[in-house]
Amino acid sequence: MLIQENEEYIVVKANKIDEKYIYYQCPYCFKINNGRILDSPYCKKTKRYCKSAVQNTHKHGSGGDLFGRIEQRVSHCKINHKKEVKIIIDETTIGCLKEK
């Protein structure tokens, strides 16, 4: 979920965290059922909404830390790869532990 955006970075909320990865839904790219990545949920040719388009989930390493924090990472999004990503991990993130 996109929280904030400016010219240098975007701020997103993590959906899930585990021992290996932090997961978040990208606000810029959509995946369709054949695996292609699009910059919009609308088909370019027909301009109609593509029913199979869902927000693509990106993942970055968690370093085994399951506690709440803000992580800053370089984006590897094919659509919006020029901005840094700040990922908010809080008590609503699946897998996040409350206290250290």
Protein backbone atom coordinates (compact mmCIF):
# COMPACT_ATOMS: atom_id res chain seq x y z
CA MET A 1 0.00 0.00 0.00
CA LEU A 2 1.39 3.38 -1.03
CA ILE A 3 1.66 5.77 1.93
CA GLN A 4 3.67 8.66 0.50
CA GLU A 5 5.59 9.58 -2.64
CA ASN A 6 8.03 12.30 -3.63
CA GLU A 7 10.77 12.71 -6.26
CA GLU A 8 13.38 10.69 -4.32
CA TYR A 9 11.46 7.82 -2.73
CA ILE A 10 8.13 6.13 -2.07
CA VAL A 11 6.83 4.93 1.29
CA VAL A 12 4.91 1.65 1.34
CA LYS A 13 3.45 -0.58 4.04
CA ALA A 14 4.71 -4.16 4.27
CA ASN A 15 2.02 -6.86 3.89
CA LYS A 16 4.08 -9.65 5.43
CA ILE A 17 7.49 -10.40 6.93
CA ASP A 18 9.25 -13.72 7.58
CA GLU A 19 12.77 -14.94 8.37
CA LYS A 20 13.91 -14.30 4.78
CA TYR A 21 11.78 -11.56 3.20
CA ILE A 22 9.72 -8.41 3.59
CA TYR A 23 6.77 -8.39 1.17
CA TYR A 24 4.85 -5.37 -0.12
CA GLN A 25 2.44 -4.64 -2.95
CA CYS A 26 3.91 -2.36 -5.57
CA PRO A 27 1.72 0.65 -6.38
CA TYR A 28 3.22 0.88 -9.89
CA CYS A 29 3.18 -2.56 -11.49
CA PHE A 30 0.50 -5.15 -12.09
CA LYS A 31 0.91 -8.83 -12.90
CA ILE A 32 -1.50 -10.62 -15.22
CA ASN A 33 -2.21 -14.35 -15.37
CA ASN A 34 0.38 -15.03 -18.10
CA GLY A 35 3.12 -13.56 -15.86
CA ARG A 36 3.61 -10.31 -17.77
CA ILE A 37 4.16 -7.11 -15.77
CA LEU A 38 2.13 -4.05 -16.79
CA ASP A 39 2.23 -0.41 -15.67
CA SER A 40 -1.58 -0.29 -15.46
CA PRO A 41 -4.45 -2.73 -14.86
CA TYR A 42 -5.88 -1.64 -18.23
CA CYS A 43 -5.03 -3.33 -21.54
CA LYS A 44 -3.05 -1.03 -23.84
CA LYS A 45 -4.84 -2.09 -27.04
CA THR A 46 -8.46 -2.19 -25.88
CA LYS A 47 -8.19 0.27 -22.96
CA ARG A 48 -10.46 -2.10 -21.02
CA TYR A 49 -9.82 -3.25 -17.48
CA CYS A 50 -7.88 -6.53 -17.35
CA LYS A 51 -9.70 -8.75 -14.84
CA SER A 52 -6.63 -10.87 -14.12
CA ALA A 53 -4.41 -7.86 -13.27
CA VAL A 54 -3.34 -7.73 -9.62
CA GLN A 55 -0.81 -5.52 -7.89
CA ASN A 56 2.57 -7.19 -8.09
CA THR A 57 4.25 -8.16 -4.83
CA HIS A 58 7.92 -7.27 -4.41
CA LYS A 59 10.18 -8.72 -1.73
CA HIS A 60 13.42 -7.64 -0.10
CA GLY A 61 15.56 -9.46 2.46
CA SER A 62 14.45 -9.13 6.08
CA GLY A 63 17.76 -10.14 7.66
CA GLY A 64 15.83 -12.35 10.08
CA ASP A 65 14.58 -9.28 12.00
CA LEU A 66 10.82 -9.67 12.54
CA PHE A 67 10.29 -6.53 14.63
CA GLY A 68 8.66 -3.24 13.60
CA ARG A 69 10.83 -0.68 11.84
CA ILE A 70 11.28 1.30 8.62
CA GLU A 71 13.59 -0.23 6.01
CA GLN A 72 15.02 1.75 3.10
CA ARG A 73 15.86 -0.20 -0.04
CA VAL A 74 16.70 0.30 -3.71
CA SER A 75 13.69 -0.54 -5.85
CA HIS A 76 13.93 -3.42 -8.31
CA CYS A 77 10.56 -2.61 -9.88
CA LYS A 78 10.62 -2.80 -13.68
CA ILE A 79 8.16 0.10 -13.93
CA ASN A 80 9.43 2.49 -11.23
CA HIS A 81 13.06 1.54 -10.66
CA LYS A 82 14.43 5.05 -10.21
CA LYS A 83 13.09 5.73 -6.70
CA GLU A 84 14.19 4.37 -3.33
CA VAL A 85 11.59 2.48 -1.30
CA LYS A 86 10.92 3.03 2.40
CA ILE A 87 9.04 0.03 3.79
CA ILE A 88 7.05 0.42 7.00
CA ILE A 89 6.87 -2.74 9.11
CA ASP A 90 4.46 -2.38 12.03
CA GLU A 91 2.06 -4.36 14.23
CA THR A 92 -0.41 -4.75 11.35
CA THR A 93 2.23 -6.49 9.18
CA ILE A 94 1.64 -10.27 9.09
CA GLY A 95 4.49 -11.98 10.96
CA CYS A 96 5.71 -8.87 12.78
CA LEU A 97 6.59 -9.41 16.45
CA LYS A 98 5.46 -6.80 18.97
CA GLU A 99 8.53 -6.38 21.21
CA LYS A 100 12.22 -7.28 21.18
